[in-house]
Amino acid sequence: MAEFARRHPAAPITFEVHRVPFFLEPGYLEKPADFTEPHNTRMVRKFGSMDRFEQVKKRHGLIPRGAAVGRNESCGFTQPQLDKRVQSSTLNSHRLVLYVAKTYGLGRSEALYAALNRRHFMEAGVLNDPNMLKAALGDVSVGPGSGLEEAQAFLESDRGTSQVLEMYNVVTEQMGIHSIPTLIVDGKYMISGAATTGKVLDVLERVLSEGPSGTNGVFGDIELDGA
């Protein structure tokens, strides 16, 4: 948001980013907890062939988009590395991010989200692997000691599962969102797709000119249990 701050140096505005659970493969929820499959296997199943998947990759331009924000071969963000990804259910990752947000605040949960992204996209970590999730907790200083032990106990339970599924239901059934990324700003503006910086700035400036709605957020009534 450096560009927004440059445009509006005196703008009295603060904002928070709340991550909302979404399942790219909801069918994984019906499989054993340790189920995994190679990324390319999933993509061929989704698009019908490797050739069509290659066309989608070219159209999305994930590598150029990453390079534009400093994600390149220097940190392992390359197409060969992305192709090494292993897909799984993301239920436990969602539960853990929500737990850390509730217990330690959004700054810490955002750091956890970044750590999970790094481990998955650049290190081929499996997002439902308990050992990887516990290691990611260490990345953001949730622990050592009782903090880490409590987070691990939460992870090893089923607490938070119903809330994750409830949020997902709100997203898909009530809001009609069936793809990501989708950004909801001030509870009323929706930006779908991997939006450019300019598009996000335009929406933020519109909210600034209109004044905030005062909404408690689309998911404000859903409380995480056991956190």
C-alpha atoms as a PDB file:
ATOM      1  CA  MET A   1       0.000   0.000   0.000  1.00  0.00           C
ATOM      2  CA  ALA A   2       3.012   2.267  -0.395  1.00  0.00           C
ATOM      3  CA  GLU A   3       1.482   3.761  -3.546  1.00  0.00           C
ATOM      4  CA  PHE A   4      -1.741   4.592  -1.674  1.00  0.00           C
ATOM      5  CA  ALA A   5       0.251   6.305   1.071  1.00  0.00           C
ATOM      6  CA  ARG A   6       2.156   8.295  -1.550  1.00  0.00           C
ATOM      7  CA  ARG A   7      -1.070   9.486  -3.164  1.00  0.00           C
ATOM      8  CA  HIS A   8      -2.751  10.306   0.151  1.00  0.00           C
ATOM      9  CA  PRO A   9      -0.052  11.273   2.665  1.00  0.00           C
ATOM     10  CA  ALA A  10      -2.582  12.770   5.082  1.00  0.00           C
ATOM     11  CA  ALA A  11      -5.403  10.267   4.572  1.00  0.00           C
ATOM     12  CA  PRO A  12      -6.788   9.184   7.989  1.00  0.00           C
ATOM     13  CA  ILE A  13      -7.333   5.570   7.057  1.00  0.00           C
ATOM     14  CA  THR A  14      -6.341   2.233   8.519  1.00  0.00           C
ATOM     15  CA  PHE A  15      -7.372  -1.209   7.369  1.00  0.00           C
ATOM     16  CA  GLU A  16      -7.090  -4.874   8.303  1.00  0.00           C
ATOM     17  CA  VAL A  17      -6.776  -7.951   6.116  1.00  0.00           C
ATOM     18  CA  HIS A  18      -8.918 -10.904   7.185  1.00  0.00           C
ATOM     19  CA  ARG A  19      -8.204 -14.198   5.440  1.00  0.00           C
ATOM     20  CA  VAL A  20     -11.341 -16.232   4.712  1.00  0.00           C
ATOM     21  CA  PRO A  21     -11.263 -20.021   4.134  1.00  0.00           C
ATOM     22  CA  PHE A  22     -11.824 -21.305   0.600  1.00  0.00           C
ATOM     23  CA  PHE A  23     -11.362 -24.831  -0.755  1.00  0.00           C
ATOM     24  CA  LEU A  24     -10.023 -25.137  -4.291  1.00  0.00           C
ATOM     25  CA  GLU A  25     -10.783 -28.858  -4.023  1.00  0.00           C
ATOM     26  CA  PRO A  26     -13.722 -29.342  -1.620  1.00  0.00           C
ATOM     27  CA  GLY A  27     -13.784 -33.019  -2.617  1.00  0.00           C
ATOM     28  CA  TYR A  28     -10.543 -33.488  -0.680  1.00  0.00           C
ATOM     29  CA  LEU A  29     -12.582 -33.106   2.526  1.00  0.00           C
ATOM     30  CA  GLU A  30     -14.150 -36.489   1.822  1.00  0.00           C
ATOM     31  CA  LYS A  31     -10.791 -38.226   1.474  1.00  0.00           C
ATOM     32  CA  PRO A  32      -8.491 -39.518   4.238  1.00  0.00           C
ATOM     33  CA  ALA A  33      -6.710 -36.743   6.127  1.00  0.00           C
ATOM     34  CA  ASP A  34      -3.337 -37.767   4.699  1.00  0.00           C
ATOM     35  CA  PHE A  35      -4.496 -37.827   1.051  1.00  0.00           C
ATOM     36  CA  THR A  36      -2.221 -36.007  -1.395  1.00  0.00           C
ATOM     37  CA  GLU A  37      -1.744 -35.795  -5.148  1.00  0.00           C
ATOM     38  CA  PRO A  38       0.847 -34.109  -7.385  1.00  0.00           C
ATOM     39  CA  HIS A  39      -0.073 -30.608  -8.521  1.00  0.00           C
ATOM     40  CA  ASN A  40       0.126 -31.478 -12.214  1.00  0.00           C
ATOM     41  CA  THR A  41      -2.158 -34.484 -11.678  1.00  0.00           C
ATOM     42  CA  ARG A  42      -4.794 -32.203 -10.210  1.00  0.00           C
ATOM     43  CA  MET A  43      -4.399 -29.659 -13.010  1.00  0.00           C
ATOM     44  CA  VAL A  44      -4.687 -32.248 -15.788  1.00  0.00           C
ATOM     45  CA  ARG A  45      -7.824 -33.593 -14.117  1.00  0.00           C
ATOM     46  CA  LYS A  46      -9.217 -30.059 -13.905  1.00  0.00           C
ATOM     47  CA  PHE A  47      -8.378 -28.857 -17.434  1.00  0.00           C
ATOM     48  CA  GLY A  48      -8.471 -32.153 -19.329  1.00  0.00           C
ATOM     49  CA  SER A  49      -4.891 -32.347 -20.586  1.00  0.00           C
ATOM     50  CA  MET A  50      -1.372 -31.120 -19.934  1.00  0.00           C
ATOM     51  CA  ASP A  51      -1.505 -28.995 -23.092  1.00  0.00           C
ATOM     52  CA  ARG A  52      -4.572 -27.122 -21.860  1.00  0.00           C
ATOM     53  CA  PHE A  53      -2.976 -26.657 -18.464  1.00  0.00           C
ATOM     54  CA  GLU A  54       0.120 -25.156 -20.130  1.00  0.00           C
ATOM     55  CA  GLN A  55      -2.154 -22.697 -21.935  1.00  0.00           C
ATOM     56  CA  VAL A  56      -3.761 -21.705 -18.635  1.00  0.00           C
ATOM     57  CA  LYS A  57      -0.344 -21.160 -17.022  1.00  0.00           C
ATOM     58  CA  LYS A  58       0.694 -18.920 -19.893  1.00  0.00           C
ATOM     59  CA  ARG A  59      -2.536 -16.925 -19.677  1.00  0.00           C
ATOM     60  CA  HIS A  60      -2.324 -16.456 -15.907  1.00  0.00           C
ATOM     61  CA  GLY A  61       1.324 -15.401 -16.057  1.00  0.00           C
ATOM     62  CA  LEU A  62       2.088 -16.368 -12.467  1.00  0.00           C
ATOM     63  CA  ILE A  63       5.863 -16.180 -12.916  1.00  0.00           C
ATOM     64  CA  PRO A  64       5.852 -12.654 -14.459  1.00  0.00           C
ATOM     65  CA  ARG A  65       3.405 -11.494 -11.786  1.00  0.00           C
ATOM     66  CA  GLY A  66       5.703 -12.841  -9.116  1.00  0.00           C
ATOM     67  CA  ALA A  67       8.731 -11.162 -10.677  1.00  0.00           C
ATOM     68  CA  ALA A  68       6.893  -7.822 -10.590  1.00  0.00           C
ATOM     69  CA  VAL A  69       6.764  -7.993  -6.784  1.00  0.00           C
ATOM     70  CA  GLY A  70      10.203  -9.467  -6.218  1.00  0.00           C
ATOM     71  CA  ARG A  71       9.356 -13.177  -6.303  1.00  0.00           C
ATOM     72  CA  ASN A  72      11.833 -14.858  -8.653  1.00  0.00           C
ATOM     73  CA  GLU A  73      14.524 -17.509  -8.822  1.00  0.00           C
ATOM     74  CA  SER A  74      16.445 -15.803  -6.010  1.00  0.00           C
ATOM     75  CA  CYS A  75      13.841 -17.063  -3.525  1.00  0.00           C
ATOM     76  CA  GLY A  76      12.860 -20.241  -5.372  1.00  0.00           C
ATOM     77  CA  PHE A  77       9.807 -18.855  -7.173  1.00  0.00           C
ATOM     78  CA  THR A  78      10.257 -20.662 -10.480  1.00  0.00           C
ATOM     79  CA  GLN A  79       7.975 -22.751 -12.670  1.00  0.00           C
ATOM     80  CA  PRO A  80       9.907 -26.004 -12.047  1.00  0.00           C
ATOM     81  CA  GLN A  81       9.577 -25.413  -8.304  1.00  0.00           C
ATOM     82  CA  LEU A  82       5.872 -24.608  -8.577  1.00  0.00           C
ATOM     83  CA  ASP A  83       5.390 -27.833 -10.538  1.00  0.00           C
ATOM     84  CA  LYS A  84       6.765 -29.771  -7.549  1.00  0.00           C
ATOM     85  CA  ARG A  85       3.794 -28.803  -5.389  1.00  0.00           C
ATOM     86  CA  VAL A  86       1.806 -31.545  -3.692  1.00  0.00           C
ATOM     87  CA  GLN A  87      -1.899 -30.862  -3.171  1.00  0.00           C
ATOM     88  CA  SER A  88      -3.999 -31.865  -0.184  1.00  0.00           C
ATOM     89  CA  SER A  89      -6.936 -30.683   1.884  1.00  0.00           C
ATOM     90  CA  THR A  90      -6.310 -27.197   3.290  1.00  0.00           C
ATOM     91  CA  LEU A  91      -8.714 -27.559   6.221  1.00  0.00           C
ATOM     92  CA  ASN A  92      -6.041 -27.653   8.914  1.00  0.00           C
ATOM     93  CA  SER A  93      -4.172 -24.711   7.415  1.00  0.00           C
ATOM     94  CA  HIS A  94      -7.374 -22.652   7.504  1.00  0.00           C
ATOM     95  CA  ARG A  95      -8.080 -23.686  11.083  1.00  0.00           C
ATOM     96  CA  LEU A  96      -4.565 -22.739  12.162  1.00  0.00           C
ATOM     97  CA  VAL A  97      -4.588 -19.320  10.472  1.00  0.00           C
ATOM     98  CA  LEU A  98      -7.904 -18.481  12.150  1.00  0.00           C
ATOM     99  CA  TYR A  99      -6.630 -19.705  15.528  1.00  0.00           C
ATOM    100  CA  VAL A 100      -3.498 -17.552  15.334  1.00  0.00           C
ATOM    101  CA  ALA A 101      -5.554 -14.524  14.222  1.00  0.00           C
ATOM    102  CA  LYS A 102      -7.918 -14.976  17.158  1.00  0.00           C
ATOM    103  CA  THR A 103      -5.193 -15.678  19.724  1.00  0.00           C
ATOM    104  CA  TYR A 104      -2.283 -13.498  18.609  1.00  0.00           C
ATOM    105  CA  GLY A 105      -3.776 -10.952  16.231  1.00  0.00           C
ATOM    106  CA  LEU A 106      -3.911 -10.347  12.497  1.00  0.00           C
ATOM    107  CA  GLY A 107      -0.265  -9.346  12.216  1.00  0.00           C
ATOM    108  CA  ARG A 108       0.877 -12.741  13.440  1.00  0.00           C
ATOM    109  CA  SER A 109      -1.699 -14.646  11.366  1.00  0.00           C
ATOM    110  CA  GLU A 110      -0.624 -12.752   8.236  1.00  0.00           C
ATOM    111  CA  ALA A 111       2.967 -13.760   8.945  1.00  0.00           C
ATOM    112  CA  LEU A 112       1.798 -17.369   9.317  1.00  0.00           C
ATOM    113  CA  TYR A 113      -0.086 -17.133   6.016  1.00  0.00           C
ATOM    114  CA  ALA A 114       3.108 -15.915   4.331  1.00  0.00           C
ATOM    115  CA  ALA A 115       5.115 -18.736   5.904  1.00  0.00           C
ATOM    116  CA  LEU A 116       2.604 -21.320   4.676  1.00  0.00           C
ATOM    117  CA  ASN A 117       2.731 -19.824   1.184  1.00  0.00           C
ATOM    118  CA  ARG A 118       6.519 -19.952   1.146  1.00  0.00           C
ATOM    119  CA  ARG A 119       6.649 -23.528   2.354  1.00  0.00           C
ATOM    120  CA  HIS A 120       3.975 -24.667  -0.119  1.00  0.00           C
ATOM    121  CA  PHE A 121       4.895 -22.751  -3.270  1.00  0.00           C
ATOM    122  CA  MET A 122       8.678 -22.616  -2.912  1.00  0.00           C
ATOM    123  CA  GLU A 123       9.450 -25.680  -0.801  1.00  0.00           C
ATOM    124  CA  ALA A 124       6.706 -28.099  -1.961  1.00  0.00           C
ATOM    125  CA  GLY A 125       5.311 -28.343   1.567  1.00  0.00           C
ATOM    126  CA  VAL A 126       1.957 -30.102   2.014  1.00  0.00           C
ATOM    127  CA  LEU A 127      -0.655 -27.813   3.531  1.00  0.00           C
ATOM    128  CA  ASN A 128      -2.291 -30.585   5.554  1.00  0.00           C
ATOM    129  CA  ASP A 129       0.962 -32.024   6.918  1.00  0.00           C
ATOM    130  CA  PRO A 130       0.988 -31.609  10.732  1.00  0.00           C
ATOM    131  CA  ASN A 131       4.787 -31.406  10.844  1.00  0.00           C
ATOM    132  CA  MET A 132       4.871 -28.647   8.235  1.00  0.00           C
ATOM    133  CA  LEU A 133       2.139 -26.710  10.031  1.00  0.00           C
ATOM    134  CA  LYS A 134       3.976 -26.953  13.345  1.00  0.00           C
ATOM    135  CA  ALA A 135       7.207 -25.802  11.672  1.00  0.00           C
ATOM    136  CA  ALA A 136       5.336 -22.804  10.218  1.00  0.00           C
ATOM    137  CA  LEU A 137       4.206 -21.887  13.738  1.00  0.00           C
ATOM    138  CA  GLY A 138       7.870 -21.714  14.698  1.00  0.00           C
ATOM    139  CA  ASP A 139       8.513 -19.413  11.729  1.00  0.00           C
ATOM    140  CA  VAL A 140       6.231 -16.784  13.260  1.00  0.00           C
ATOM    141  CA  SER A 141       7.349 -17.220  16.879  1.00  0.00           C
ATOM    142  CA  VAL A 142       4.237 -18.932  18.180  1.00  0.00           C
ATOM    143  CA  GLY A 143       6.328 -20.662  20.803  1.00  0.00           C
ATOM    144  CA  PRO A 144       8.423 -22.060  22.277  1.00  0.00           C
ATOM    145  CA  GLY A 145       6.704 -22.907  25.513  1.00  0.00           C
ATOM    146  CA  SER A 146       3.022 -22.894  26.282  1.00  0.00           C
ATOM    147  CA  GLY A 147       2.063 -20.802  23.250  1.00  0.00           C
ATOM    148  CA  LEU A 148       3.408 -23.399  20.853  1.00  0.00           C
ATOM    149  CA  GLU A 149       2.012 -26.256  22.920  1.00  0.00           C
ATOM    150  CA  GLU A 150      -1.464 -24.701  22.968  1.00  0.00           C
ATOM    151  CA  ALA A 151      -1.376 -24.057  19.224  1.00  0.00           C
ATOM    152  CA  GLN A 152      -0.317 -27.648  18.582  1.00  0.00           C
ATOM    153  CA  ALA A 153      -3.087 -28.923  20.865  1.00  0.00           C
ATOM    154  CA  PHE A 154      -5.579 -26.864  18.871  1.00  0.00           C
ATOM    155  CA  LEU A 155      -4.178 -28.254  15.628  1.00  0.00           C
ATOM    156  CA  GLU A 156      -4.432 -31.836  16.888  1.00  0.00           C
ATOM    157  CA  SER A 157      -8.091 -31.345  17.853  1.00  0.00           C
ATOM    158  CA  ASP A 158     -11.050 -30.717  15.548  1.00  0.00           C
ATOM    159  CA  ARG A 159     -11.793 -27.302  17.054  1.00  0.00           C
ATOM    160  CA  GLY A 160     -12.522 -24.615  14.510  1.00  0.00           C
ATOM    161  CA  THR A 161     -13.633 -27.086  11.846  1.00  0.00           C
ATOM    162  CA  SER A 162     -17.291 -26.095  11.964  1.00  0.00           C
ATOM    163  CA  GLN A 163     -16.388 -22.392  11.725  1.00  0.00           C
ATOM    164  CA  VAL A 164     -14.159 -22.953   8.686  1.00  0.00           C
ATOM    165  CA  LEU A 165     -16.948 -24.878   6.947  1.00  0.00           C
ATOM    166  CA  GLU A 166     -19.500 -22.223   7.914  1.00  0.00           C
ATOM    167  CA  MET A 167     -17.355 -19.463   6.434  1.00  0.00           C
ATOM    168  CA  TYR A 168     -16.852 -21.489   3.269  1.00  0.00           C
ATOM    169  CA  ASN A 169     -20.605 -21.948   2.996  1.00  0.00           C
ATOM    170  CA  VAL A 170     -21.141 -18.176   3.312  1.00  0.00           C
ATOM    171  CA  VAL A 171     -18.581 -17.576   0.565  1.00  0.00           C
ATOM    172  CA  THR A 172     -19.923 -20.118  -1.922  1.00  0.00           C
ATOM    173  CA  GLU A 173     -23.652 -20.412  -1.211  1.00  0.00           C
ATOM    174  CA  GLN A 174     -24.584 -16.944   0.030  1.00  0.00           C
ATOM    175  CA  MET A 175     -22.066 -14.795  -1.845  1.00  0.00           C
ATOM    176  CA  GLY A 176     -21.663 -16.943  -4.949  1.00  0.00           C
ATOM    177  CA  ILE A 177     -17.859 -16.859  -4.906  1.00  0.00           C
ATOM    178  CA  HIS A 178     -16.387 -19.924  -6.587  1.00  0.00           C
ATOM    179  CA  SER A 179     -12.848 -18.850  -7.421  1.00  0.00           C
ATOM    180  CA  ILE A 180      -9.935 -17.083  -5.789  1.00  0.00           C
ATOM    181  CA  PRO A 181      -8.449 -14.609  -5.297  1.00  0.00           C
ATOM    182  CA  THR A 182     -11.491 -12.511  -4.406  1.00  0.00           C
ATOM    183  CA  LEU A 183     -11.081  -9.342  -2.385  1.00  0.00           C
ATOM    184  CA  ILE A 184     -13.995  -7.801  -0.474  1.00  0.00           C
ATOM    185  CA  VAL A 185     -13.365  -4.216   0.591  1.00  0.00           C
ATOM    186  CA  ASP A 186     -15.408  -2.553   3.352  1.00  0.00           C
ATOM    187  CA  GLY A 187     -18.034  -5.292   3.101  1.00  0.00           C
ATOM    188  CA  LYS A 188     -19.462  -3.905  -0.146  1.00  0.00           C
ATOM    189  CA  TYR A 189     -16.939  -3.867  -3.010  1.00  0.00           C
ATOM    190  CA  MET A 190     -15.783  -7.123  -4.554  1.00  0.00           C
ATOM    191  CA  ILE A 191     -12.661  -7.491  -6.696  1.00  0.00           C
ATOM    192  CA  SER A 192     -12.432 -10.847  -8.443  1.00  0.00           C
ATOM    193  CA  GLY A 193      -9.301 -12.324  -9.949  1.00  0.00           C
ATOM    194  CA  ALA A 194      -5.653 -11.440  -9.497  1.00  0.00           C
ATOM    195  CA  ALA A 195      -6.279  -7.689  -9.632  1.00  0.00           C
ATOM    196  CA  THR A 196      -3.569  -5.226 -10.499  1.00  0.00           C
ATOM    197  CA  THR A 197      -2.359  -2.694  -7.962  1.00  0.00           C
ATOM    198  CA  GLY A 198      -4.180   0.076  -9.819  1.00  0.00           C
ATOM    199  CA  LYS A 199      -7.548  -1.629  -9.531  1.00  0.00           C
ATOM    200  CA  VAL A 200      -7.164  -2.165  -5.784  1.00  0.00           C
ATOM    201  CA  LEU A 201      -6.066   1.438  -5.322  1.00  0.00           C
ATOM    202  CA  ASP A 202      -9.146   2.655  -7.210  1.00  0.00           C
ATOM    203  CA  VAL A 203     -11.437   0.780  -4.820  1.00  0.00           C
ATOM    204  CA  LEU A 204      -9.582   2.016  -1.728  1.00  0.00           C
ATOM    205  CA  GLU A 205      -9.855   5.570  -2.995  1.00  0.00           C
ATOM    206  CA  ARG A 206     -13.590   5.107  -3.593  1.00  0.00           C
ATOM    207  CA  VAL A 207     -14.047   3.909  -0.004  1.00  0.00           C
ATOM    208  CA  LEU A 208     -11.987   6.843   1.230  1.00  0.00           C
ATOM    209  CA  SER A 209     -14.128   9.327  -0.691  1.00  0.00           C
ATOM    210  CA  GLU A 210     -17.416   7.761   0.459  1.00  0.00           C
ATOM    211  CA  GLY A 211     -16.414   7.108   4.038  1.00  0.00           C
ATOM    212  CA  PRO A 212     -16.310   3.660   5.638  1.00  0.00           C
ATOM    213  CA  SER A 213     -19.555   1.740   5.925  1.00  0.00           C
ATOM    214  CA  GLY A 214     -18.944   0.803   9.548  1.00  0.00           C
ATOM    215  CA  THR A 215     -19.706  -2.841   8.852  1.00  0.00           C
ATOM    216  CA  ASN A 216     -18.278  -5.436  11.194  1.00  0.00           C
ATOM    217  CA  GLY A 217     -17.302  -7.515   8.189  1.00  0.00           C
ATOM    218  CA  VAL A 218     -19.109 -10.176   6.250  1.00  0.00           C
ATOM    219  CA  PHE A 219     -18.079 -12.873   8.732  1.00  0.00           C
ATOM    220  CA  GLY A 220     -18.224 -10.859  11.958  1.00  0.00           C
ATOM    221  CA  ASP A 221     -20.802 -13.126  13.582  1.00  0.00           C
ATOM    222  CA  ILE A 222     -18.780 -16.317  13.187  1.00  0.00           C
ATOM    223  CA  GLU A 223     -16.650 -16.952  16.255  1.00  0.00           C
ATOM    224  CA  LEU A 224     -13.833 -19.471  16.389  1.00  0.00           C
ATOM    225  CA  ASP A 225     -14.372 -22.016  19.145  1.00  0.00           C
ATOM    226  CA  GLY A 226     -11.658 -23.025  21.533  1.00  0.00           C
ATOM    227  CA  ALA A 227      -9.293 -20.153  20.712  1.00  0.00           C
END
